[in-house]
Amino acid sequence: MSYENQSQTNNTVGMQYQGLLALVLMSIVTTVPCCVFLFINGTMLFTLRSKTVFRETSRYVLLFNLLFADTVQMALSQLLYILSACRIWLTYPVCGVFFMLTDLSSEISPLTLVVMSLERFVAVCYPLRHSTIVTIRNTELAIFVVWTISSLNVLTTVILFSEFPFEDLESLQMKDFCGIQTMLLGPMSGVYDEAFTFFLFVSAGVVVTCSYIGVIIAARSASTDKASTQKARNTLLLHLVQLGLSQSLTIYKPLLMAIHKVLDRLTFLQIQVFLYVFIIILPRCLSSLIYGIRDQTIRPILVYNLCCQWRGSLSH
């Protein structure tokens, strides 16, 4: 009998050790790429504020807004991932704050992509009026509208949250990890979130696609700069890809739930880490990689700043 008890104890300890090891490996696999991408995004943000040409050019100001939202969302997503991996349950008010910030940043990204696409459309199709239409003042106004729309969406979500009878709960302590699925408490919250996400994605997709078609039509004109038009077409295609990736967050949870039903725990954890890195983390760094490599003005300054910061971190 004592031998069976000892065997059960050893098995329990072994399972706990394997669970701890898996937790550590998962945290490393997700945290290391996130830290690398946060470093790149942070350097890119610093680069976009380091020169006057970046601060006074509309597309660079829009890029800064896009990068800022992506960086905030990536940092919050990683923080919530680590909390859930460590089985640290938050209270509803604290999770609500995280949810509002994440939701705000996630809506800013596609809306900013829409404004950036329109800026490229005006630059190619109306080059003589571009300097009068796309001014710094109009750009700041567009960014203000983007933040206002996103904030109103968050405010609406908070109002729907307030209708949930929290006073009927035994405690405000959550019994699950903090995420969008656990915060959409009432039926109206879920319906509103799905409707707004669908409307935003379709509207943004239509605007970016129409901008791309307009640039293609303008490319047939003999008076259009062919090199500039081709570059604008490539940029708009990239915006479409970014738009799709920015909305990939909506399929992450349902996809995990479907996979969890047909796979064992170890395989599921491995796929979960893979999907998290490529659906949640990588798209948030795509703008830095795209513009840091493609843009001839940004690239040399970004590379210089990356090298200087890397050497500085090594020297310390």
Protein backbone atom coordinates (compact mmCIF):
# COMPACT_ATOMS: atom_id res chain seq x y z
CA MET A 1 0.00 0.00 0.00
CA SER A 2 2.83 2.33 0.88
CA TYR A 3 4.49 1.53 -2.44
CA GLU A 4 1.31 2.52 -4.33
CA ASN A 5 1.09 5.78 -2.37
CA GLN A 6 4.73 6.53 -3.11
CA SER A 7 4.16 5.80 -6.79
CA GLN A 8 1.14 8.10 -6.91
CA THR A 9 3.11 10.84 -5.16
CA ASN A 10 5.97 10.49 -7.67
CA ASN A 11 3.53 10.66 -10.57
CA THR A 12 1.91 13.78 -9.12
CA VAL A 13 5.28 15.45 -8.61
CA GLY A 14 6.31 14.46 -12.14
CA MET A 15 3.14 15.94 -13.64
CA GLN A 16 3.61 19.15 -11.66
CA TYR A 17 7.20 19.39 -12.84
CA GLN A 18 6.18 18.85 -16.46
CA GLY A 19 3.47 21.47 -16.09
CA LEU A 20 5.92 23.96 -14.62
CA LEU A 21 8.47 23.21 -17.34
CA ALA A 22 5.83 23.67 -20.06
CA LEU A 23 4.76 26.96 -18.45
CA VAL A 24 8.35 28.25 -18.38
CA LEU A 25 9.00 27.21 -21.98
CA MET A 26 5.75 28.79 -23.20
CA SER A 27 6.55 32.03 -21.39
CA ILE A 28 10.05 32.14 -22.89
CA VAL A 29 8.84 31.34 -26.42
CA THR A 30 6.26 34.14 -26.31
CA THR A 31 8.10 36.72 -24.21
CA VAL A 32 11.39 36.73 -26.14
CA PRO A 33 9.84 37.54 -29.56
CA CYS A 34 7.55 40.08 -27.90
CA CYS A 35 10.50 41.83 -26.25
CA VAL A 36 12.39 41.88 -29.56
CA PHE A 37 9.40 43.35 -31.39
CA LEU A 38 8.76 45.86 -28.62
CA PHE A 39 12.39 46.95 -28.90
CA ILE A 40 12.04 47.38 -32.69
CA ASN A 41 8.73 49.23 -32.37
CA GLY A 42 10.08 51.45 -29.61
CA THR A 43 13.13 52.32 -31.71
CA MET A 44 10.87 53.04 -34.68
CA LEU A 45 8.70 55.35 -32.57
CA PHE A 46 11.80 57.15 -31.34
CA THR A 47 13.04 57.44 -34.94
CA LEU A 48 9.77 59.00 -36.09
CA ARG A 49 10.09 61.70 -33.42
CA SER A 50 13.82 62.30 -33.85
CA LYS A 51 13.74 64.31 -37.09
CA THR A 52 11.73 67.32 -38.17
CA VAL A 53 10.92 65.75 -41.55
CA PHE A 54 9.12 62.91 -39.78
CA ARG A 55 7.22 65.20 -37.43
CA GLU A 56 6.07 67.48 -40.27
CA THR A 57 5.16 64.88 -42.90
CA SER A 58 1.62 63.55 -42.76
CA ARG A 59 2.29 59.91 -43.65
CA TYR A 60 4.99 59.65 -40.99
CA VAL A 61 2.67 61.21 -38.40
CA LEU A 62 0.03 58.62 -39.33
CA LEU A 63 2.63 55.87 -39.16
CA PHE A 64 3.58 56.98 -35.65
CA ASN A 65 -0.07 56.76 -34.59
CA LEU A 66 -0.39 53.26 -36.09
CA LEU A 67 2.82 52.05 -34.46
CA PHE A 68 1.87 53.51 -31.10
CA ALA A 69 -1.47 51.67 -31.11
CA ASP A 70 0.15 48.39 -32.24
CA THR A 71 2.86 48.66 -29.58
CA VAL A 72 0.37 49.29 -26.78
CA GLN A 73 -1.78 46.40 -27.94
CA MET A 74 1.20 44.04 -28.18
CA ALA A 75 2.44 44.95 -24.69
CA LEU A 76 -1.03 44.53 -23.15
CA SER A 77 -1.63 41.24 -24.96
CA GLN A 78 1.65 39.82 -23.69
CA LEU A 79 0.95 40.99 -20.15
CA LEU A 80 -2.48 39.34 -20.17
CA TYR A 81 -0.99 36.19 -21.71
CA ILE A 82 1.59 35.89 -18.93
CA LEU A 83 -1.09 36.48 -16.28
CA SER A 84 -3.30 33.76 -17.75
CA ALA A 85 -0.34 31.36 -18.16
CA CYS A 86 0.53 31.86 -14.48
CA ARG A 87 -3.13 31.31 -13.52
CA ILE A 88 -3.43 34.78 -12.02
CA TRP A 89 -7.08 35.77 -12.09
CA LEU A 90 -7.87 39.48 -11.97
CA THR A 91 -10.91 41.27 -10.64
CA TYR A 92 -13.56 42.49 -13.07
CA PRO A 93 -12.68 46.21 -12.63
CA VAL A 94 -8.96 45.61 -13.27
CA CYS A 95 -9.67 43.36 -16.24
CA GLY A 96 -12.11 45.97 -17.51
CA VAL A 97 -9.35 48.59 -17.61
CA PHE A 98 -7.06 46.24 -19.52
CA PHE A 99 -9.91 45.35 -21.86
CA MET A 100 -10.74 49.00 -22.59
CA LEU A 101 -7.11 49.85 -23.39
CA THR A 102 -6.72 46.77 -25.60
CA ASP A 103 -10.01 47.42 -27.38
CA LEU A 104 -9.10 51.08 -27.90
CA SER A 105 -5.74 50.27 -29.47
CA SER A 106 -7.16 47.46 -31.61
CA GLU A 107 -9.74 49.80 -33.19
CA ILE A 108 -7.22 52.58 -33.80
CA SER A 109 -5.05 50.40 -36.06
CA PRO A 110 -7.58 49.66 -38.86
CA LEU A 111 -8.95 53.20 -38.77
CA THR A 112 -5.44 54.62 -39.13
CA LEU A 113 -4.81 52.26 -42.05
CA VAL A 114 -7.89 53.74 -43.73
CA VAL A 115 -6.55 57.27 -43.35
CA MET A 116 -3.11 56.20 -44.61
CA SER A 117 -4.71 54.58 -47.66
CA LEU A 118 -6.67 57.74 -48.43
CA GLU A 119 -3.47 59.77 -48.12
CA ARG A 120 -1.76 57.57 -50.73
CA PHE A 121 -4.84 57.80 -52.97
CA VAL A 122 -4.75 61.61 -52.88
CA ALA A 123 -0.98 61.62 -53.47
CA VAL A 124 -1.33 59.61 -56.70
CA CYS A 125 -4.71 60.68 -58.07
CA TYR A 126 -4.56 64.36 -57.04
CA PRO A 127 -0.84 65.18 -56.87
CA LEU A 128 -1.31 68.91 -57.47
CA ARG A 129 -3.78 69.20 -54.58
CA HIS A 130 -2.01 66.82 -52.23
CA SER A 131 -0.10 69.53 -50.40
CA THR A 132 -3.28 71.52 -49.75
CA ILE A 133 -5.48 68.56 -48.79
CA VAL A 134 -3.00 66.49 -46.78
CA THR A 135 -1.66 69.06 -44.33
CA ILE A 136 -0.38 68.48 -40.81
CA ARG A 137 -3.46 70.18 -39.41
CA ASN A 138 -5.81 67.95 -41.42
CA THR A 139 -3.74 64.92 -40.43
CA GLU A 140 -4.01 65.80 -36.75
CA LEU A 141 -7.76 66.28 -37.24
CA ALA A 142 -8.02 62.85 -38.87
CA ILE A 143 -6.10 61.27 -35.97
CA PHE A 144 -8.42 63.03 -33.52
CA VAL A 145 -11.44 61.57 -35.37
CA VAL A 146 -9.84 58.10 -35.27
CA TRP A 147 -9.29 58.31 -31.51
CA THR A 148 -12.79 59.73 -30.98
CA ILE A 149 -14.49 56.90 -32.88
CA SER A 150 -12.44 54.31 -31.00
CA SER A 151 -13.15 55.98 -27.66
CA LEU A 152 -16.90 56.14 -28.37
CA ASN A 153 -16.84 52.42 -29.14
CA VAL A 154 -15.11 51.72 -25.82
CA LEU A 155 -17.57 54.00 -24.01
CA THR A 156 -20.50 52.13 -25.55
CA THR A 157 -18.98 48.83 -24.44
CA VAL A 158 -18.54 50.15 -20.90
CA ILE A 159 -22.20 51.24 -20.81
CA LEU A 160 -23.23 47.73 -21.86
CA PHE A 161 -20.96 46.32 -19.14
CA SER A 162 -22.68 48.47 -16.53
CA GLU A 163 -26.01 46.77 -17.25
CA PHE A 164 -24.63 43.45 -15.99
CA PRO A 165 -25.82 42.69 -12.40
CA PHE A 166 -22.41 42.61 -10.71
CA GLU A 167 -24.12 42.97 -7.31
CA ASP A 168 -25.50 39.44 -7.74
CA LEU A 169 -22.01 37.96 -7.90
CA GLU A 170 -20.46 36.50 -4.77
CA SER A 171 -17.20 38.28 -5.54
CA LEU A 172 -15.72 40.56 -8.18
CA GLN A 173 -12.81 38.11 -8.46
CA MET A 174 -12.82 36.49 -11.91
CA LYS A 175 -12.83 32.71 -12.20
CA ASP A 176 -11.20 32.68 -15.62
CA PHE A 177 -8.44 34.56 -17.43
CA CYS A 178 -8.95 38.15 -18.51
CA GLY A 179 -9.98 38.35 -22.14
CA ILE A 180 -12.65 39.62 -24.49
CA GLN A 181 -14.72 36.43 -24.15
CA THR A 182 -14.83 36.67 -20.36
CA MET A 183 -15.64 40.39 -20.39
CA LEU A 184 -18.55 40.22 -22.84
CA LEU A 185 -20.87 39.33 -19.98
CA GLY A 186 -24.29 40.13 -21.41
CA PRO A 187 -25.85 39.07 -24.73
CA MET A 188 -25.98 42.66 -25.95
CA SER A 189 -22.24 43.11 -25.35
CA GLY A 190 -21.41 40.16 -27.59
CA VAL A 191 -23.82 41.23 -30.31
CA TYR A 192 -22.56 44.80 -30.28
CA ASP A 193 -18.90 43.72 -30.36
CA GLU A 194 -19.47 41.39 -33.32
CA ALA A 195 -21.54 43.98 -35.20
CA PHE A 196 -19.01 46.79 -34.68
CA THR A 197 -16.05 44.57 -35.61
CA PHE A 198 -17.81 43.40 -38.77
CA PHE A 199 -18.81 46.94 -39.74
CA LEU A 200 -15.30 48.26 -39.09
CA PHE A 201 -13.58 45.49 -41.04
CA VAL A 202 -15.94 45.73 -44.03
CA SER A 203 -15.86 49.54 -44.14
CA ALA A 204 -12.07 49.67 -43.86
CA GLY A 205 -11.69 46.93 -46.46
CA VAL A 206 -13.95 48.79 -48.90
CA VAL A 207 -12.05 52.08 -48.47
CA VAL A 208 -8.61 50.49 -48.89
CA THR A 209 -9.80 48.43 -51.89
CA CYS A 210 -11.38 51.46 -53.57
CA SER A 211 -8.17 53.42 -52.98
CA TYR A 212 -6.21 50.63 -54.62
CA ILE A 213 -8.57 50.55 -57.62
CA GLY A 214 -8.32 54.34 -57.93
CA VAL A 215 -4.52 54.13 -58.00
CA ILE A 216 -4.67 51.41 -60.69
CA ILE A 217 -6.94 53.60 -62.83
CA ALA A 218 -4.63 56.57 -62.30
CA ALA A 219 -1.66 54.43 -63.38
CA ARG A 220 -3.09 54.24 -66.90
CA SER A 221 -2.82 57.99 -67.26
CA ALA A 222 0.22 59.13 -69.22
CA SER A 223 0.72 62.11 -66.89
CA THR A 224 1.11 59.94 -63.81
CA ASP A 225 4.50 59.15 -62.35
CA LYS A 226 4.78 55.39 -62.97
CA ALA A 227 7.34 54.73 -60.24
CA SER A 228 5.32 56.64 -57.65
CA THR A 229 2.12 54.89 -58.73
CA GLN A 230 3.71 51.44 -58.50
CA LYS A 231 5.03 52.22 -55.03
CA ALA A 232 1.60 53.46 -53.93
CA ARG A 233 -0.04 50.27 -55.28
CA ASN A 234 2.38 48.12 -53.30
CA THR A 235 1.77 50.19 -50.18
CA LEU A 236 -2.01 49.82 -50.48
CA LEU A 237 -1.65 46.06 -50.95
CA LEU A 238 0.39 45.97 -47.78
CA HIS A 239 -2.33 47.98 -46.04
CA LEU A 240 -4.86 45.33 -47.09
CA VAL A 241 -2.63 42.63 -45.61
CA GLN A 242 -2.18 44.67 -42.42
CA LEU A 243 -5.93 45.21 -42.20
CA GLY A 244 -6.56 41.49 -42.45
CA LEU A 245 -3.92 40.71 -39.84
CA SER A 246 -5.22 43.41 -37.50
CA GLN A 247 -8.60 41.65 -37.50
CA SER A 248 -7.08 38.17 -37.09
CA LEU A 249 -7.44 38.66 -33.33
CA THR A 250 -11.17 38.00 -33.71
CA ILE A 251 -10.59 34.41 -34.92
CA TYR A 252 -7.88 33.56 -32.38
CA LYS A 253 -10.12 32.43 -29.52
CA PRO A 254 -12.71 30.51 -31.63
CA LEU A 255 -9.86 28.78 -33.46
CA LEU A 256 -8.25 27.71 -30.19
CA MET A 257 -11.57 26.39 -28.89
CA ALA A 258 -12.03 24.29 -32.04
CA ILE A 259 -8.47 22.92 -31.88
CA HIS A 260 -8.76 22.11 -28.17
CA LYS A 261 -11.61 19.68 -28.86
CA VAL A 262 -9.62 17.43 -31.22
CA LEU A 263 -6.02 17.53 -29.93
CA ASP A 264 -4.24 16.39 -26.79
CA ARG A 265 -3.04 18.97 -24.25
CA LEU A 266 0.65 19.01 -25.23
CA THR A 267 -0.04 19.42 -28.95
CA PHE A 268 -2.67 22.04 -28.18
CA LEU A 269 -0.21 24.08 -26.08
CA GLN A 270 2.38 23.98 -28.85
CA ILE A 271 -0.15 25.14 -31.46
CA GLN A 272 -1.43 27.80 -29.07
CA VAL A 273 2.03 29.30 -28.68
CA PHE A 274 2.57 29.21 -32.46
CA LEU A 275 -0.76 30.93 -33.17
CA TYR A 276 -0.19 33.50 -30.44
CA VAL A 277 3.18 34.54 -31.87
CA PHE A 278 2.02 34.69 -35.48
CA ILE A 279 -1.52 36.05 -34.97
CA ILE A 280 -1.15 38.32 -31.95
CA ILE A 281 2.51 39.41 -31.74
CA LEU A 282 3.96 39.39 -35.27
CA PRO A 283 1.23 41.52 -36.97
CA ARG A 284 1.84 44.26 -34.39
CA CYS A 285 5.45 44.58 -35.57
CA LEU A 286 4.68 44.35 -39.28
CA SER A 287 4.48 48.12 -39.77
CA SER A 288 7.97 48.65 -38.35
CA LEU A 289 9.41 45.92 -40.56
CA ILE A 290 7.60 47.12 -43.69
CA TYR A 291 8.35 50.82 -43.41
CA GLY A 292 11.74 50.31 -41.81
CA ILE A 293 12.91 48.32 -44.81
CA ARG A 294 10.98 49.93 -47.68
CA ASP A 295 11.18 53.62 -46.82
CA GLN A 296 14.47 55.10 -47.98
CA THR A 297 14.18 58.02 -45.56
CA ILE A 298 13.46 55.95 -42.46
CA ARG A 299 15.75 52.98 -43.12
CA PRO A 300 19.22 54.50 -42.52
CA ILE A 301 18.10 56.38 -39.40
CA LEU A 302 16.27 53.33 -38.02
CA VAL A 303 19.27 51.07 -38.59
CA TYR A 304 21.55 53.62 -36.92
CA ASN A 305 19.23 53.93 -33.90
CA LEU A 306 18.86 50.14 -33.61
CA CYS A 307 22.62 49.65 -33.67
CA CYS A 308 23.24 52.44 -31.15
CA GLN A 309 20.62 51.16 -28.73
CA TRP A 310 21.88 47.58 -29.09
CA ARG A 311 25.46 48.60 -28.41
CA GLY A 312 24.30 50.73 -25.50
CA SER A 313 22.41 47.82 -23.94
CA LEU A 314 25.44 45.56 -24.33
CA SER A 315 27.81 48.10 -22.77
CA HIS A 316 25.58 48.31 -19.68
